[in-house]
Amino acid sequence: MVTKDGKEMRDMIKVSAPATIANLGPGYDLMGMALDRPFDILEVEFNQDGEDAISVTGVGSETISNALNNASLVAGRAVLKKTGNEKVKLSMRLNKGVPPRMGMGSSGASSAAGAFAVNELLGRPLEPEALLICAMEGERASCGAAHADNVAPALFGGVIVITDYSPIRVCRLNVIEGAEIVVVSPELELAQEKTKLAREVLPKEVPLSKLIAQMSAFASLIAGITNKDLKLLGSGVSRDVIIEPARSVLIPGFKDVKEAALSNGAYGCSISGAGPSLFAIAPEGEGIRIGKAMKDAFGSHGVEAAFSTHKCNKEGARVV
């Protein structure tokens, strides 16, 4: 099979894209970090006959659309459109490893995988930021907003800061080293449109004093990553005064869980993405102990929870 410009295309590919943590505290819609696990695995084939199709298996697959508005399929079709290959049809098989609606970038992983896979099959015609724009369309289809804080690190790996949305510009920062990332996920009944709800509770206006405090926290976060200062990084993570207070009311026991992390030696703690999971930046070797303390704090509020420990992942989407 050949592309519109006459280049040979591969017929099939298998790729992976990792879980991510968005915002990292005060970096709402501007920051994200790739995790070393879990991953979404996506197989893609081109076909000139028939129609687009996708099947979804794996964690939480029963809650994920296998229709034409699936994030992987939308992102893949965006690549075809941008490269002038609209007539090509896609057959996808998505195996979910990143749990949906838990604040670990499930739709971001699926979107990144879809865009990345199709771009690879076409022979990599798109530059990174053009590819990111296509992947963001998967996020738009999934939650109604084409934000890049999850999908950018899922696509490129590491820690990403979005420096501009119009046009999209991203910068890759130092990978966070010398620390463990603890993710604690409570077992809660979640609305199907959880991310949309988490956006709706945010304040429409904020006082200047809070804006200044938020800028201070964001500056600490950036400086801590850039200077490899884990204490400064953690301080920035923990001082979100705008988004975290609004969303924390959706998470039973949030204040006690965060306090359990910090009092047990975590550098910082906040909500993972839109929640309900929390994440903590922990000293190496302390992740399990801190995770257990956070889990117990949820338990004291009658909420079961599970935790896992991670590293910051240098890789984003890749061919398996």
C-alpha atoms as a PDB file:
ATOM      1  CA  MET A   1       0.000   0.000   0.000  1.00  0.00           C
ATOM      2  CA  VAL A   2       1.222   3.544  -0.764  1.00  0.00           C
ATOM      3  CA  THR A   3       0.419   6.956   0.706  1.00  0.00           C
ATOM      4  CA  LYS A   4      -1.012   9.884  -1.233  1.00  0.00           C
ATOM      5  CA  ASP A   5       2.507  11.130  -1.964  1.00  0.00           C
ATOM      6  CA  GLY A   6       3.583   7.723  -3.263  1.00  0.00           C
ATOM      7  CA  LYS A   7       5.537   6.445  -0.239  1.00  0.00           C
ATOM      8  CA  GLU A   8       5.346   2.806   0.743  1.00  0.00           C
ATOM      9  CA  MET A   9       3.322   2.103   3.900  1.00  0.00           C
ATOM     10  CA  ARG A  10       3.652  -0.742   6.351  1.00  0.00           C
ATOM     11  CA  ASP A  11       0.516  -2.857   6.681  1.00  0.00           C
ATOM     12  CA  MET A  12       0.457  -3.468  10.441  1.00  0.00           C
ATOM     13  CA  ILE A  13       2.099  -2.217  13.618  1.00  0.00           C
ATOM     14  CA  LYS A  14       1.925  -2.793  17.369  1.00  0.00           C
ATOM     15  CA  VAL A  15       2.715   0.081  19.732  1.00  0.00           C
ATOM     16  CA  SER A  16       2.517   0.967  23.407  1.00  0.00           C
ATOM     17  CA  ALA A  17       1.899   4.238  25.266  1.00  0.00           C
ATOM     18  CA  PRO A  18       2.326   4.748  29.023  1.00  0.00           C
ATOM     19  CA  ALA A  19       0.206   5.976  31.888  1.00  0.00           C
ATOM     20  CA  THR A  20       0.812   9.575  32.912  1.00  0.00           C
ATOM     21  CA  ILE A  21       0.221  11.995  35.764  1.00  0.00           C
ATOM     22  CA  ALA A  22      -1.099  15.372  34.651  1.00  0.00           C
ATOM     23  CA  ASN A  23      -0.819  18.780  36.338  1.00  0.00           C
ATOM     24  CA  LEU A  24       1.757  17.680  38.968  1.00  0.00           C
ATOM     25  CA  GLY A  25      -0.029  19.971  41.413  1.00  0.00           C
ATOM     26  CA  PRO A  26      -0.135  23.595  40.220  1.00  0.00           C
ATOM     27  CA  GLY A  27       0.583  22.862  36.538  1.00  0.00           C
ATOM     28  CA  TYR A  28      -3.065  22.575  35.475  1.00  0.00           C
ATOM     29  CA  ASP A  29      -3.274  21.703  31.755  1.00  0.00           C
ATOM     30  CA  LEU A  30       0.419  22.611  31.391  1.00  0.00           C
ATOM     31  CA  MET A  31       2.438  19.778  32.966  1.00  0.00           C
ATOM     32  CA  GLY A  32       2.554  16.030  32.730  1.00  0.00           C
ATOM     33  CA  MET A  33       4.857  13.106  33.518  1.00  0.00           C
ATOM     34  CA  ALA A  34       5.087   9.653  31.940  1.00  0.00           C
ATOM     35  CA  LEU A  35       5.140   6.621  34.253  1.00  0.00           C
ATOM     36  CA  ASP A  36       7.109   3.405  33.758  1.00  0.00           C
ATOM     37  CA  ARG A  37       3.864   1.391  33.825  1.00  0.00           C
ATOM     38  CA  PRO A  38       1.133   0.459  32.987  1.00  0.00           C
ATOM     39  CA  PHE A  39       0.732   0.749  29.206  1.00  0.00           C
ATOM     40  CA  ASP A  40      -1.953   0.661  26.571  1.00  0.00           C
ATOM     41  CA  ILE A  41      -1.078  -1.714  23.719  1.00  0.00           C
ATOM     42  CA  LEU A  42      -2.505  -0.943  20.283  1.00  0.00           C
ATOM     43  CA  GLU A  43      -2.349  -2.961  17.070  1.00  0.00           C
ATOM     44  CA  VAL A  44      -3.222  -1.116  13.871  1.00  0.00           C
ATOM     45  CA  GLU A  45      -3.740  -2.279  10.312  1.00  0.00           C
ATOM     46  CA  PHE A  46      -4.522  -0.299   7.176  1.00  0.00           C
ATOM     47  CA  ASN A  47      -7.153  -1.496   4.765  1.00  0.00           C
ATOM     48  CA  GLN A  48      -8.494   0.120   1.610  1.00  0.00           C
ATOM     49  CA  ASP A  49     -11.804  -1.710   1.733  1.00  0.00           C
ATOM     50  CA  GLY A  50     -14.444  -1.794   4.434  1.00  0.00           C
ATOM     51  CA  GLU A  51     -14.838   0.676   7.289  1.00  0.00           C
ATOM     52  CA  ASP A  52     -12.923   1.862  10.338  1.00  0.00           C
ATOM     53  CA  ALA A  53     -13.185  -0.551  13.249  1.00  0.00           C
ATOM     54  CA  ILE A  54     -11.778  -0.927  16.753  1.00  0.00           C
ATOM     55  CA  SER A  55     -12.056  -3.589  19.428  1.00  0.00           C
ATOM     56  CA  VAL A  56     -11.196  -2.875  23.075  1.00  0.00           C
ATOM     57  CA  THR A  57     -10.057  -5.373  25.703  1.00  0.00           C
ATOM     58  CA  GLY A  58      -8.241  -5.144  29.022  1.00  0.00           C
ATOM     59  CA  VAL A  59      -8.680  -3.071  32.178  1.00  0.00           C
ATOM     60  CA  GLY A  60     -12.030  -1.290  32.256  1.00  0.00           C
ATOM     61  CA  SER A  61     -12.685  -2.073  28.599  1.00  0.00           C
ATOM     62  CA  GLU A  62     -16.396  -2.478  29.267  1.00  0.00           C
ATOM     63  CA  THR A  63     -16.616   1.277  29.962  1.00  0.00           C
ATOM     64  CA  ILE A  64     -14.735   2.355  26.822  1.00  0.00           C
ATOM     65  CA  SER A  65     -16.346   3.076  23.478  1.00  0.00           C
ATOM     66  CA  ASN A  66     -15.455   0.803  20.582  1.00  0.00           C
ATOM     67  CA  ALA A  67     -17.263   3.128  18.181  1.00  0.00           C
ATOM     68  CA  LEU A  68     -15.898   5.778  15.825  1.00  0.00           C
ATOM     69  CA  ASN A  69     -15.453   8.250  18.724  1.00  0.00           C
ATOM     70  CA  ASN A  70     -12.847   6.052  20.436  1.00  0.00           C
ATOM     71  CA  ALA A  71      -9.791   8.175  21.325  1.00  0.00           C
ATOM     72  CA  SER A  72      -7.306   5.903  19.524  1.00  0.00           C
ATOM     73  CA  LEU A  73      -9.374   5.842  16.367  1.00  0.00           C
ATOM     74  CA  VAL A  74     -10.052   9.591  16.374  1.00  0.00           C
ATOM     75  CA  ALA A  75      -6.342  10.369  16.866  1.00  0.00           C
ATOM     76  CA  GLY A  76      -5.334   7.940  14.134  1.00  0.00           C
ATOM     77  CA  ARG A  77      -7.859   9.405  11.711  1.00  0.00           C
ATOM     78  CA  ALA A  78      -6.556  12.899  12.524  1.00  0.00           C
ATOM     79  CA  VAL A  79      -3.119  11.787  11.296  1.00  0.00           C
ATOM     80  CA  LEU A  80      -4.635  10.413   8.099  1.00  0.00           C
ATOM     81  CA  LYS A  81      -6.482  13.675   7.505  1.00  0.00           C
ATOM     82  CA  LYS A  82      -3.431  15.834   8.187  1.00  0.00           C
ATOM     83  CA  THR A  83      -1.342  13.788   5.732  1.00  0.00           C
ATOM     84  CA  GLY A  84      -3.978  13.633   2.999  1.00  0.00           C
ATOM     85  CA  ASN A  85      -4.734   9.933   3.395  1.00  0.00           C
ATOM     86  CA  GLU A  86      -8.395  10.182   4.388  1.00  0.00           C
ATOM     87  CA  LYS A  87      -9.450   7.315   2.130  1.00  0.00           C
ATOM     88  CA  VAL A  88      -7.389   4.795   4.102  1.00  0.00           C
ATOM     89  CA  LYS A  89      -9.408   2.845   6.675  1.00  0.00           C
ATOM     90  CA  LEU A  90      -8.148   1.694  10.071  1.00  0.00           C
ATOM     91  CA  SER A  91      -8.547  -1.579  11.904  1.00  0.00           C
ATOM     92  CA  MET A  92      -7.468  -1.305  15.546  1.00  0.00           C
ATOM     93  CA  ARG A  93      -7.191  -3.673  18.504  1.00  0.00           C
ATOM     94  CA  LEU A  94      -6.691  -1.815  21.779  1.00  0.00           C
ATOM     95  CA  ASN A  95      -5.650  -3.659  24.935  1.00  0.00           C
ATOM     96  CA  LYS A  96      -6.103  -1.326  27.889  1.00  0.00           C
ATOM     97  CA  GLY A  97      -3.498  -1.448  30.625  1.00  0.00           C
ATOM     98  CA  VAL A  98      -4.086   2.089  31.916  1.00  0.00           C
ATOM     99  CA  PRO A  99      -7.290   2.060  34.017  1.00  0.00           C
ATOM    100  CA  PRO A 100      -9.931   4.493  32.799  1.00  0.00           C
ATOM    101  CA  ARG A 101     -11.311   7.330  34.941  1.00  0.00           C
ATOM    102  CA  MET A 102      -8.656   7.012  37.676  1.00  0.00           C
ATOM    103  CA  GLY A 103      -6.499  10.059  36.889  1.00  0.00           C
ATOM    104  CA  MET A 104      -3.658   8.134  35.216  1.00  0.00           C
ATOM    105  CA  GLY A 105      -4.107   9.409  31.681  1.00  0.00           C
ATOM    106  CA  SER A 106      -6.100   6.539  30.208  1.00  0.00           C
ATOM    107  CA  SER A 107      -7.488   8.495  27.261  1.00  0.00           C
ATOM    108  CA  GLY A 108      -4.121  10.213  26.814  1.00  0.00           C
ATOM    109  CA  ALA A 109      -2.376   6.859  26.430  1.00  0.00           C
ATOM    110  CA  SER A 110      -4.970   5.663  23.928  1.00  0.00           C
ATOM    111  CA  SER A 111      -4.801   8.923  21.971  1.00  0.00           C
ATOM    112  CA  ALA A 112      -0.994   8.917  21.876  1.00  0.00           C
ATOM    113  CA  ALA A 113      -0.933   5.279  20.766  1.00  0.00           C
ATOM    114  CA  GLY A 114      -3.421   5.911  17.948  1.00  0.00           C
ATOM    115  CA  ALA A 115      -1.645   8.937  16.511  1.00  0.00           C
ATOM    116  CA  PHE A 116       1.829   7.435  16.946  1.00  0.00           C
ATOM    117  CA  ALA A 117       0.917   4.111  15.332  1.00  0.00           C
ATOM    118  CA  VAL A 118      -0.637   5.639  12.221  1.00  0.00           C
ATOM    119  CA  ASN A 119       2.251   8.095  11.814  1.00  0.00           C
ATOM    120  CA  GLU A 120       4.700   5.179  12.009  1.00  0.00           C
ATOM    121  CA  LEU A 121       2.732   3.191   9.437  1.00  0.00           C
ATOM    122  CA  LEU A 122       2.829   6.170   7.075  1.00  0.00           C
ATOM    123  CA  GLY A 123       6.606   6.441   7.379  1.00  0.00           C
ATOM    124  CA  ARG A 124       6.706   9.248  10.000  1.00  0.00           C
ATOM    125  CA  PRO A 125       5.548  12.169   7.842  1.00  0.00           C
ATOM    126  CA  LEU A 126       4.571  14.389  10.801  1.00  0.00           C
ATOM    127  CA  GLU A 127       6.880  16.434  12.984  1.00  0.00           C
ATOM    128  CA  PRO A 128       6.430  15.957  16.751  1.00  0.00           C
ATOM    129  CA  GLU A 129       4.189  18.943  17.428  1.00  0.00           C
ATOM    130  CA  ALA A 130       1.989  18.222  14.395  1.00  0.00           C
ATOM    131  CA  LEU A 131       1.670  14.659  15.670  1.00  0.00           C
ATOM    132  CA  LEU A 132       0.752  15.999  19.119  1.00  0.00           C
ATOM    133  CA  ILE A 133      -2.057  18.102  17.631  1.00  0.00           C
ATOM    134  CA  CYS A 134      -3.511  14.948  16.084  1.00  0.00           C
ATOM    135  CA  ALA A 135      -3.221  13.036  19.369  1.00  0.00           C
ATOM    136  CA  MET A 136      -4.993  15.888  21.161  1.00  0.00           C
ATOM    137  CA  GLU A 137      -8.038  15.268  18.961  1.00  0.00           C
ATOM    138  CA  GLY A 138      -8.386  11.905  20.696  1.00  0.00           C
ATOM    139  CA  GLU A 139      -8.519  13.742  24.013  1.00  0.00           C
ATOM    140  CA  ARG A 140     -11.144  16.102  22.628  1.00  0.00           C
ATOM    141  CA  ALA A 141     -13.301  13.135  21.622  1.00  0.00           C
ATOM    142  CA  SER A 142     -12.822  11.487  25.025  1.00  0.00           C
ATOM    143  CA  CYS A 143     -13.452  14.362  27.430  1.00  0.00           C
ATOM    144  CA  GLY A 144     -14.467  17.374  25.350  1.00  0.00           C
ATOM    145  CA  ALA A 145     -11.201  19.333  25.694  1.00  0.00           C
ATOM    146  CA  ALA A 146      -8.100  19.049  23.504  1.00  0.00           C
ATOM    147  CA  HIS A 147      -5.622  19.438  26.361  1.00  0.00           C
ATOM    148  CA  ALA A 148      -2.071  18.095  26.128  1.00  0.00           C
ATOM    149  CA  ASP A 149      -0.987  17.567  29.741  1.00  0.00           C
ATOM    150  CA  ASN A 150      -1.523  13.782  29.563  1.00  0.00           C
ATOM    151  CA  VAL A 151      -1.135  13.071  25.886  1.00  0.00           C
ATOM    152  CA  ALA A 152       2.181  14.942  25.449  1.00  0.00           C
ATOM    153  CA  PRO A 153       4.136  12.867  28.015  1.00  0.00           C
ATOM    154  CA  ALA A 154       2.371   9.704  26.791  1.00  0.00           C
ATOM    155  CA  LEU A 155       3.635  10.533  23.309  1.00  0.00           C
ATOM    156  CA  PHE A 156       7.124  11.856  24.099  1.00  0.00           C
ATOM    157  CA  GLY A 157       7.968  10.463  27.555  1.00  0.00           C
ATOM    158  CA  GLY A 158       9.599  12.218  30.498  1.00  0.00           C
ATOM    159  CA  VAL A 159       8.269  15.412  32.066  1.00  0.00           C
ATOM    160  CA  ILE A 160       6.627  17.796  29.622  1.00  0.00           C
ATOM    161  CA  VAL A 161       5.603  21.427  30.046  1.00  0.00           C
ATOM    162  CA  ILE A 162       3.282  23.020  27.493  1.00  0.00           C
ATOM    163  CA  THR A 163       4.669  26.499  26.872  1.00  0.00           C
ATOM    164  CA  ASP A 164       1.913  27.565  24.467  1.00  0.00           C
ATOM    165  CA  TYR A 165      -1.373  26.226  23.127  1.00  0.00           C
ATOM    166  CA  SER A 166      -1.744  28.613  20.192  1.00  0.00           C
ATOM    167  CA  PRO A 167       0.215  27.309  18.408  1.00  0.00           C
ATOM    168  CA  ILE A 168       1.059  24.242  20.484  1.00  0.00           C
ATOM    169  CA  ARG A 169       4.597  24.313  21.877  1.00  0.00           C
ATOM    170  CA  VAL A 170       6.093  21.860  24.365  1.00  0.00           C
ATOM    171  CA  CYS A 171       9.359  21.588  26.243  1.00  0.00           C
ATOM    172  CA  ARG A 172      10.808  18.420  27.748  1.00  0.00           C
ATOM    173  CA  LEU A 173      12.309  18.899  31.208  1.00  0.00           C
ATOM    174  CA  ASN A 174      14.671  16.714  33.231  1.00  0.00           C
ATOM    175  CA  VAL A 175      13.377  13.264  34.072  1.00  0.00           C
ATOM    176  CA  ILE A 176      12.657  13.064  37.804  1.00  0.00           C
ATOM    177  CA  GLU A 177      15.380  10.840  39.275  1.00  0.00           C
ATOM    178  CA  GLY A 178      16.207   9.666  42.774  1.00  0.00           C
ATOM    179  CA  ALA A 179      12.547   9.356  43.757  1.00  0.00           C
ATOM    180  CA  GLU A 180       9.645   6.955  43.587  1.00  0.00           C
ATOM    181  CA  ILE A 181       6.220   7.999  42.365  1.00  0.00           C
ATOM    182  CA  VAL A 182       3.462   6.564  44.550  1.00  0.00           C
ATOM    183  CA  VAL A 183      -0.036   6.369  43.077  1.00  0.00           C
ATOM    184  CA  VAL A 184      -2.929   5.560  45.411  1.00  0.00           C
ATOM    185  CA  SER A 185      -6.283   4.811  43.794  1.00  0.00           C
ATOM    186  CA  PRO A 186      -9.473   4.746  45.885  1.00  0.00           C
ATOM    187  CA  GLU A 187     -12.367   2.464  45.001  1.00  0.00           C
ATOM    188  CA  LEU A 188     -15.117   4.994  44.347  1.00  0.00           C
ATOM    189  CA  GLU A 189     -18.267   5.046  42.243  1.00  0.00           C
ATOM    190  CA  LEU A 190     -17.262   7.297  39.357  1.00  0.00           C
ATOM    191  CA  ALA A 191     -19.421   9.143  36.884  1.00  0.00           C
ATOM    192  CA  GLN A 192     -18.934   8.082  33.263  1.00  0.00           C
ATOM    193  CA  GLU A 193     -17.868  11.651  32.426  1.00  0.00           C
ATOM    194  CA  LYS A 194     -15.601  11.961  35.450  1.00  0.00           C
ATOM    195  CA  THR A 195     -13.088  14.318  33.816  1.00  0.00           C
ATOM    196  CA  LYS A 196     -15.850  16.646  32.645  1.00  0.00           C
ATOM    197  CA  LEU A 197     -17.225  16.780  36.199  1.00  0.00           C
ATOM    198  CA  ALA A 198     -13.754  17.479  37.599  1.00  0.00           C
ATOM    199  CA  ARG A 199     -13.508  20.453  35.233  1.00  0.00           C
ATOM    200  CA  GLU A 200     -16.962  21.771  36.041  1.00  0.00           C
ATOM    201  CA  VAL A 201     -16.162  22.155  39.766  1.00  0.00           C
ATOM    202  CA  LEU A 202     -13.241  24.505  39.088  1.00  0.00           C
ATOM    203  CA  PRO A 203     -13.609  28.193  39.976  1.00  0.00           C
ATOM    204  CA  LYS A 204     -14.285  30.602  37.107  1.00  0.00           C
ATOM    205  CA  GLU A 205     -12.424  33.444  38.830  1.00  0.00           C
ATOM    206  CA  VAL A 206      -9.637  33.542  41.429  1.00  0.00           C
ATOM    207  CA  PRO A 207      -8.338  36.372  43.635  1.00  0.00           C
ATOM    208  CA  LEU A 208      -5.009  37.931  42.701  1.00  0.00           C
ATOM    209  CA  SER A 209      -3.479  36.693  45.966  1.00  0.00           C
ATOM    210  CA  LYS A 210      -4.273  33.070  45.009  1.00  0.00           C
ATOM    211  CA  LEU A 211      -2.908  33.600  41.510  1.00  0.00           C
ATOM    212  CA  ILE A 212       0.382  34.829  42.971  1.00  0.00           C
ATOM    213  CA  ALA A 213       0.554  31.836  45.338  1.00  0.00           C
ATOM    214  CA  GLN A 214      -0.166  29.492  42.436  1.00  0.00           C
ATOM    215  CA  MET A 215       2.563  31.089  40.322  1.00  0.00           C
ATOM    216  CA  SER A 216       4.975  30.657  43.226  1.00  0.00           C
ATOM    217  CA  ALA A 217       4.094  26.953  43.462  1.00  0.00           C
ATOM    218  CA  PHE A 218       4.440  26.469  39.704  1.00  0.00           C
ATOM    219  CA  ALA A 219       7.812  28.240  39.730  1.00  0.00           C
ATOM    220  CA  SER A 220       8.964  25.948  42.559  1.00  0.00           C
ATOM    221  CA  LEU A 221       7.821  22.908  40.581  1.00  0.00           C
ATOM    222  CA  ILE A 222       9.727  23.951  37.452  1.00  0.00           C
ATOM    223  CA  ALA A 223      12.823  25.020  39.391  1.00  0.00           C
ATOM    224  CA  GLY A 224      12.819  21.802  41.426  1.00  0.00           C
ATOM    225  CA  ILE A 225      12.728  19.658  38.282  1.00  0.00           C
ATOM    226  CA  THR A 226      15.314  21.793  36.464  1.00  0.00           C
ATOM    227  CA  ASN A 227      17.719  21.892  39.421  1.00  0.00           C
ATOM    228  CA  LYS A 228      17.049  18.274  40.443  1.00  0.00           C
ATOM    229  CA  ASP A 229      15.975  19.513  43.868  1.00  0.00           C
ATOM    230  CA  LEU A 230      13.385  17.000  45.088  1.00  0.00           C
ATOM    231  CA  LYS A 231      12.403  19.022  48.161  1.00  0.00           C
ATOM    232  CA  LEU A 232      11.711  22.126  46.078  1.00  0.00           C
ATOM    233  CA  LEU A 233       9.876  20.025  43.489  1.00  0.00           C
ATOM    234  CA  GLY A 234       7.733  18.459  46.211  1.00  0.00           C
ATOM    235  CA  SER A 235       6.992  21.847  47.732  1.00  0.00           C
ATOM    236  CA  GLY A 236       5.664  23.006  44.390  1.00  0.00           C
ATOM    237  CA  VAL A 237       3.562  19.872  43.924  1.00  0.00           C
ATOM    238  CA  SER A 238       1.900  20.311  47.319  1.00  0.00           C
ATOM    239  CA  ARG A 239       0.987  24.011  47.058  1.00  0.00           C
ATOM    240  CA  ASP A 240      -1.763  24.042  44.448  1.00  0.00           C
ATOM    241  CA  VAL A 241      -4.231  26.597  45.882  1.00  0.00           C
ATOM    242  CA  ILE A 242      -6.695  26.723  42.963  1.00  0.00           C
ATOM    243  CA  ILE A 243      -7.377  23.342  41.369  1.00  0.00           C
ATOM    244  CA  GLU A 244      -6.688  20.959  44.262  1.00  0.00           C
ATOM    245  CA  PRO A 245      -9.054  22.612  46.783  1.00  0.00           C
ATOM    246  CA  ALA A 246     -11.913  22.520  44.260  1.00  0.00           C
ATOM    247  CA  ARG A 247     -11.405  18.907  43.225  1.00  0.00           C
ATOM    248  CA  SER A 248     -10.502  17.522  46.649  1.00  0.00           C
ATOM    249  CA  VAL A 249     -14.155  17.692  47.735  1.00  0.00           C
ATOM    250  CA  LEU A 250     -14.829  14.862  45.239  1.00  0.00           C
ATOM    251  CA  ILE A 251     -12.348  12.581  47.061  1.00  0.00           C
ATOM    252  CA  PRO A 252     -13.422  11.321  50.533  1.00  0.00           C
ATOM    253  CA  GLY A 253     -10.617  11.658  53.086  1.00  0.00           C
ATOM    254  CA  PHE A 254      -8.385  13.665  50.755  1.00  0.00           C
ATOM    255  CA  LYS A 255      -6.840  15.909  53.433  1.00  0.00           C
ATOM    256  CA  ASP A 256      -5.944  12.982  55.675  1.00  0.00           C
ATOM    257  CA  VAL A 257      -4.484  10.971  52.805  1.00  0.00           C
ATOM    258  CA  LYS A 258      -2.308  13.899  51.727  1.00  0.00           C
ATOM    259  CA  GLU A 259      -1.222  14.502  55.313  1.00  0.00           C
ATOM    260  CA  ALA A 260      -0.356  10.798  55.674  1.00  0.00           C
ATOM    261  CA  ALA A 261       1.956  11.089  52.678  1.00  0.00           C
ATOM    262  CA  LEU A 262       3.692  14.255  53.856  1.00  0.00           C
ATOM    263  CA  SER A 263       3.998  13.239  57.509  1.00  0.00           C
ATOM    264  CA  ASN A 264       5.627   9.969  56.423  1.00  0.00           C
ATOM    265  CA  GLY A 265       8.349  11.712  54.458  1.00  0.00           C
ATOM    266  CA  ALA A 266       6.931  12.308  50.970  1.00  0.00           C
ATOM    267  CA  TYR A 267       8.446  15.341  49.250  1.00  0.00           C
ATOM    268  CA  GLY A 268       5.054  16.313  47.858  1.00  0.00           C
ATOM    269  CA  CYS A 269       1.533  15.047  47.251  1.00  0.00           C
ATOM    270  CA  SER A 270      -1.473  16.087  45.176  1.00  0.00           C
ATOM    271  CA  ILE A 271      -4.295  14.811  42.971  1.00  0.00           C
ATOM    272  CA  SER A 272      -3.247  12.739  39.972  1.00  0.00           C
ATOM    273  CA  GLY A 273      -4.772  14.413  36.935  1.00  0.00           C
ATOM    274  CA  ALA A 274      -8.511  14.839  37.413  1.00  0.00           C
ATOM    275  CA  GLY A 275      -8.483  12.234  40.230  1.00  0.00           C
ATOM    276  CA  PRO A 276      -9.622  10.368  42.160  1.00  0.00           C
ATOM    277  CA  SER A 277      -6.117   8.898  42.498  1.00  0.00           C
ATOM    278  CA  LEU A 278      -3.500  10.773  44.486  1.00  0.00           C
ATOM    279  CA  PHE A 279       0.223  10.723  43.791  1.00  0.00           C
ATOM    280  CA  ALA A 280       3.200  11.388  46.026  1.00  0.00           C
ATOM    281  CA  ILE A 281       6.865  12.024  45.270  1.00  0.00           C
ATOM    282  CA  ALA A 282       8.679   9.730  47.712  1.00  0.00           C
ATOM    283  CA  PRO A 283      12.342   9.201  48.587  1.00  0.00           C
ATOM    284  CA  GLU A 284      13.787   6.095  46.969  1.00  0.00           C
ATOM    285  CA  GLY A 285      13.049   3.006  49.020  1.00  0.00           C
ATOM    286  CA  GLU A 286      10.183   4.689  50.882  1.00  0.00           C
ATOM    287  CA  GLY A 287       7.416   4.321  48.306  1.00  0.00           C
ATOM    288  CA  ILE A 288       5.819   1.183  49.722  1.00  0.00           C
ATOM    289  CA  ARG A 289       5.784   2.520  53.287  1.00  0.00           C
ATOM    290  CA  ILE A 290       4.264   5.833  52.187  1.00  0.00           C
ATOM    291  CA  GLY A 291       1.773   4.063  49.929  1.00  0.00           C
ATOM    292  CA  LYS A 292       0.582   1.912  52.832  1.00  0.00           C
ATOM    293  CA  ALA A 293       0.141   4.992  55.019  1.00  0.00           C
ATOM    294  CA  MET A 294      -1.946   6.685  52.325  1.00  0.00           C
ATOM    295  CA  LYS A 295      -4.012   3.544  51.794  1.00  0.00           C
ATOM    296  CA  ASP A 296      -4.650   3.292  55.558  1.00  0.00           C
ATOM    297  CA  ALA A 297      -5.756   6.937  55.614  1.00  0.00           C
ATOM    298  CA  PHE A 298      -8.347   6.176  52.940  1.00  0.00           C
ATOM    299  CA  GLY A 299      -9.405   3.142  54.993  1.00  0.00           C
ATOM    300  CA  SER A 300     -10.036   5.329  58.024  1.00  0.00           C
ATOM    301  CA  HIS A 301     -12.720   7.033  55.939  1.00  0.00           C
ATOM    302  CA  GLY A 302     -14.278   3.739  54.880  1.00  0.00           C
ATOM    303  CA  VAL A 303     -12.718   3.841  51.410  1.00  0.00           C
ATOM    304  CA  GLU A 304     -10.801   0.865  50.034  1.00  0.00           C
ATOM    305  CA  ALA A 305      -7.738   1.773  48.007  1.00  0.00           C
ATOM    306  CA  ALA A 306      -4.816   0.222  46.183  1.00  0.00           C
ATOM    307  CA  PHE A 307      -1.372   1.695  45.649  1.00  0.00           C
ATOM    308  CA  SER A 308       1.541   1.185  43.284  1.00  0.00           C
ATOM    309  CA  THR A 309       5.043   2.594  43.005  1.00  0.00           C
ATOM    310  CA  HIS A 310       6.606   3.884  39.805  1.00  0.00           C
ATOM    311  CA  LYS A 311       9.527   5.652  38.198  1.00  0.00           C
ATOM    312  CA  CYS A 312       9.403   8.544  35.797  1.00  0.00           C
ATOM    313  CA  ASN A 313       9.502   7.013  32.313  1.00  0.00           C
ATOM    314  CA  LYS A 314      11.969   8.437  29.788  1.00  0.00           C
ATOM    315  CA  GLU A 315      10.094   6.817  26.892  1.00  0.00           C
ATOM    316  CA  GLY A 316       6.678   7.680  25.549  1.00  0.00           C
ATOM    317  CA  ALA A 317       4.878   5.873  22.763  1.00  0.00           C
ATOM    318  CA  ARG A 318       7.022   3.269  21.019  1.00  0.00           C
ATOM    319  CA  VAL A 319       6.858   0.355  18.637  1.00  0.00           C
ATOM    320  CA  VAL A 320       6.552  -2.922  20.530  1.00  0.00           C
END
